[in-house]
Amino acid sequence: MKKKVVIYTWKTCIFCIRAKRLLKNKGVEFEEIDIGDDINNLRQLETKTGSGTVPQIFVEGKYIGGCDDIVNLQRRNKFDTVFN
């Protein structure tokens, strides 16, 4: 069973693009929520994480972090444990 992965993004955010690329390269399917100009999505993100920055990544509803966090998981060979 695949884990549900959700990533909050902005289309032009370089860190979002990098995080999505890593997820795709690792074969992880994800739901992308582009917060764009939607204040409700931004508020939802801030409520969940305490931060309004992107990307913010969740696995099975658990907050994992942002781009640097998943890159560090990959470097420490813990990515597959979290996402698969």
C-alpha atoms as a PDB file:
ATOM      1  CA  MET A   1       0.000   0.000   0.000  1.00  0.00           C
ATOM      2  CA  LYS A   2       1.376   3.377  -0.998  1.00  0.00           C
ATOM      3  CA  LYS A   3       1.541   6.090   1.618  1.00  0.00           C
ATOM      4  CA  LYS A   4      -0.436   9.272   1.071  1.00  0.00           C
ATOM      5  CA  VAL A   5       1.965  12.147   0.428  1.00  0.00           C
ATOM      6  CA  VAL A   6       0.831  15.772   0.252  1.00  0.00           C
ATOM      7  CA  ILE A   7       3.092  18.677  -0.686  1.00  0.00           C
ATOM      8  CA  TYR A   8       2.129  22.343  -0.390  1.00  0.00           C
ATOM      9  CA  THR A   9       3.830  24.443  -3.060  1.00  0.00           C
ATOM     10  CA  TRP A  10       4.035  27.629  -5.079  1.00  0.00           C
ATOM     11  CA  LYS A  11       4.537  27.051  -8.803  1.00  0.00           C
ATOM     12  CA  THR A  12       7.615  29.295  -9.112  1.00  0.00           C
ATOM     13  CA  CYS A  13       9.350  28.200  -5.890  1.00  0.00           C
ATOM     14  CA  ILE A  14      12.721  26.625  -6.751  1.00  0.00           C
ATOM     15  CA  PHE A  15      12.701  24.584  -3.525  1.00  0.00           C
ATOM     16  CA  CYS A  16       9.242  23.238  -4.397  1.00  0.00           C
ATOM     17  CA  ILE A  17      10.457  22.243  -7.836  1.00  0.00           C
ATOM     18  CA  ARG A  18      13.492  20.525  -6.312  1.00  0.00           C
ATOM     19  CA  ALA A  19      11.391  18.642  -3.736  1.00  0.00           C
ATOM     20  CA  LYS A  20       8.877  17.490  -6.360  1.00  0.00           C
ATOM     21  CA  ARG A  21      11.718  16.353  -8.621  1.00  0.00           C
ATOM     22  CA  LEU A  22      13.212  14.248  -5.815  1.00  0.00           C
ATOM     23  CA  LEU A  23       9.821  12.712  -5.015  1.00  0.00           C
ATOM     24  CA  LYS A  24       9.188  11.918  -8.693  1.00  0.00           C
ATOM     25  CA  ASN A  25      12.687  10.484  -9.174  1.00  0.00           C
ATOM     26  CA  LYS A  26      12.088   8.199  -6.191  1.00  0.00           C
ATOM     27  CA  GLY A  27       8.744   7.073  -7.619  1.00  0.00           C
ATOM     28  CA  VAL A  28       6.679   8.700  -4.877  1.00  0.00           C
ATOM     29  CA  GLU A  29       3.165   9.675  -5.891  1.00  0.00           C
ATOM     30  CA  PHE A  30       1.907  12.830  -4.227  1.00  0.00           C
ATOM     31  CA  GLU A  31      -0.941  15.282  -4.075  1.00  0.00           C
ATOM     32  CA  GLU A  32       0.214  18.820  -4.757  1.00  0.00           C
ATOM     33  CA  ILE A  33      -1.612  21.741  -3.179  1.00  0.00           C
ATOM     34  CA  ASP A  34      -0.512  24.957  -4.858  1.00  0.00           C
ATOM     35  CA  ILE A  35      -1.279  27.618  -2.282  1.00  0.00           C
ATOM     36  CA  GLY A  36      -0.714  30.340  -4.883  1.00  0.00           C
ATOM     37  CA  ASP A  37      -2.942  33.271  -4.079  1.00  0.00           C
ATOM     38  CA  ASP A  38      -5.410  31.222  -2.028  1.00  0.00           C
ATOM     39  CA  ILE A  39      -5.364  32.689   1.475  1.00  0.00           C
ATOM     40  CA  ASN A  40      -7.357  29.716   2.816  1.00  0.00           C
ATOM     41  CA  ASN A  41      -4.694  27.230   1.706  1.00  0.00           C
ATOM     42  CA  LEU A  42      -2.002  29.462   3.213  1.00  0.00           C
ATOM     43  CA  ARG A  43      -3.856  29.608   6.528  1.00  0.00           C
ATOM     44  CA  GLN A  44      -4.343  25.837   6.463  1.00  0.00           C
ATOM     45  CA  LEU A  45      -0.613  25.390   5.927  1.00  0.00           C
ATOM     46  CA  GLU A  46       0.272  27.818   8.725  1.00  0.00           C
ATOM     47  CA  THR A  47      -2.109  26.022  11.094  1.00  0.00           C
ATOM     48  CA  LYS A  48      -0.599  22.618  10.304  1.00  0.00           C
ATOM     49  CA  THR A  49       3.073  23.600  10.382  1.00  0.00           C
ATOM     50  CA  GLY A  50       3.380  26.961  12.109  1.00  0.00           C
ATOM     51  CA  SER A  51       5.015  28.237   8.943  1.00  0.00           C
ATOM     52  CA  GLY A  52       3.857  29.874   5.741  1.00  0.00           C
ATOM     53  CA  THR A  53       6.886  28.822   3.713  1.00  0.00           C
ATOM     54  CA  VAL A  54       6.885  26.170   1.020  1.00  0.00           C
ATOM     55  CA  PRO A  55       7.343  23.399   0.248  1.00  0.00           C
ATOM     56  CA  GLN A  56       5.812  21.638   3.217  1.00  0.00           C
ATOM     57  CA  ILE A  57       5.514  17.870   2.953  1.00  0.00           C
ATOM     58  CA  PHE A  58       3.259  15.439   4.796  1.00  0.00           C
ATOM     59  CA  VAL A  59       3.250  11.637   4.763  1.00  0.00           C
ATOM     60  CA  GLU A  60       0.084   9.974   6.037  1.00  0.00           C
ATOM     61  CA  GLY A  61      -0.831  13.289   7.656  1.00  0.00           C
ATOM     62  CA  LYS A  62       2.474  13.528   9.539  1.00  0.00           C
ATOM     63  CA  TYR A  63       4.513  16.663   8.917  1.00  0.00           C
ATOM     64  CA  ILE A  64       7.893  15.715   7.427  1.00  0.00           C
ATOM     65  CA  GLY A  65       9.291  19.174   6.646  1.00  0.00           C
ATOM     66  CA  GLY A  66      10.479  20.991   3.559  1.00  0.00           C
ATOM     67  CA  CYS A  67      12.913  20.471   0.731  1.00  0.00           C
ATOM     68  CA  ASP A  68      16.045  20.427   2.878  1.00  0.00           C
ATOM     69  CA  ASP A  69      14.451  17.869   5.177  1.00  0.00           C
ATOM     70  CA  ILE A  70      13.701  15.351   2.441  1.00  0.00           C
ATOM     71  CA  VAL A  71      17.090  15.902   0.802  1.00  0.00           C
ATOM     72  CA  ASN A  72      18.688  15.120   4.184  1.00  0.00           C
ATOM     73  CA  LEU A  73      16.553  11.979   4.478  1.00  0.00           C
ATOM     74  CA  GLN A  74      17.880  10.896   1.084  1.00  0.00           C
ATOM     75  CA  ARG A  75      21.492  11.628   2.042  1.00  0.00           C
ATOM     76  CA  ARG A  76      21.128   9.606   5.260  1.00  0.00           C
ATOM     77  CA  ASN A  77      19.471   6.702   3.392  1.00  0.00           C
ATOM     78  CA  LYS A  78      16.230   7.163   5.369  1.00  0.00           C
ATOM     79  CA  PHE A  79      14.063   8.462   2.527  1.00  0.00           C
ATOM     80  CA  ASP A  80      12.582   5.078   1.603  1.00  0.00           C
ATOM     81  CA  THR A  81      11.704   4.324   5.222  1.00  0.00           C
ATOM     82  CA  VAL A  82       9.610   7.500   5.462  1.00  0.00           C
ATOM     83  CA  PHE A  83       7.985   7.486   2.020  1.00  0.00           C
ATOM     84  CA  ASN A  84       7.535   3.772   1.216  1.00  0.00           C
END
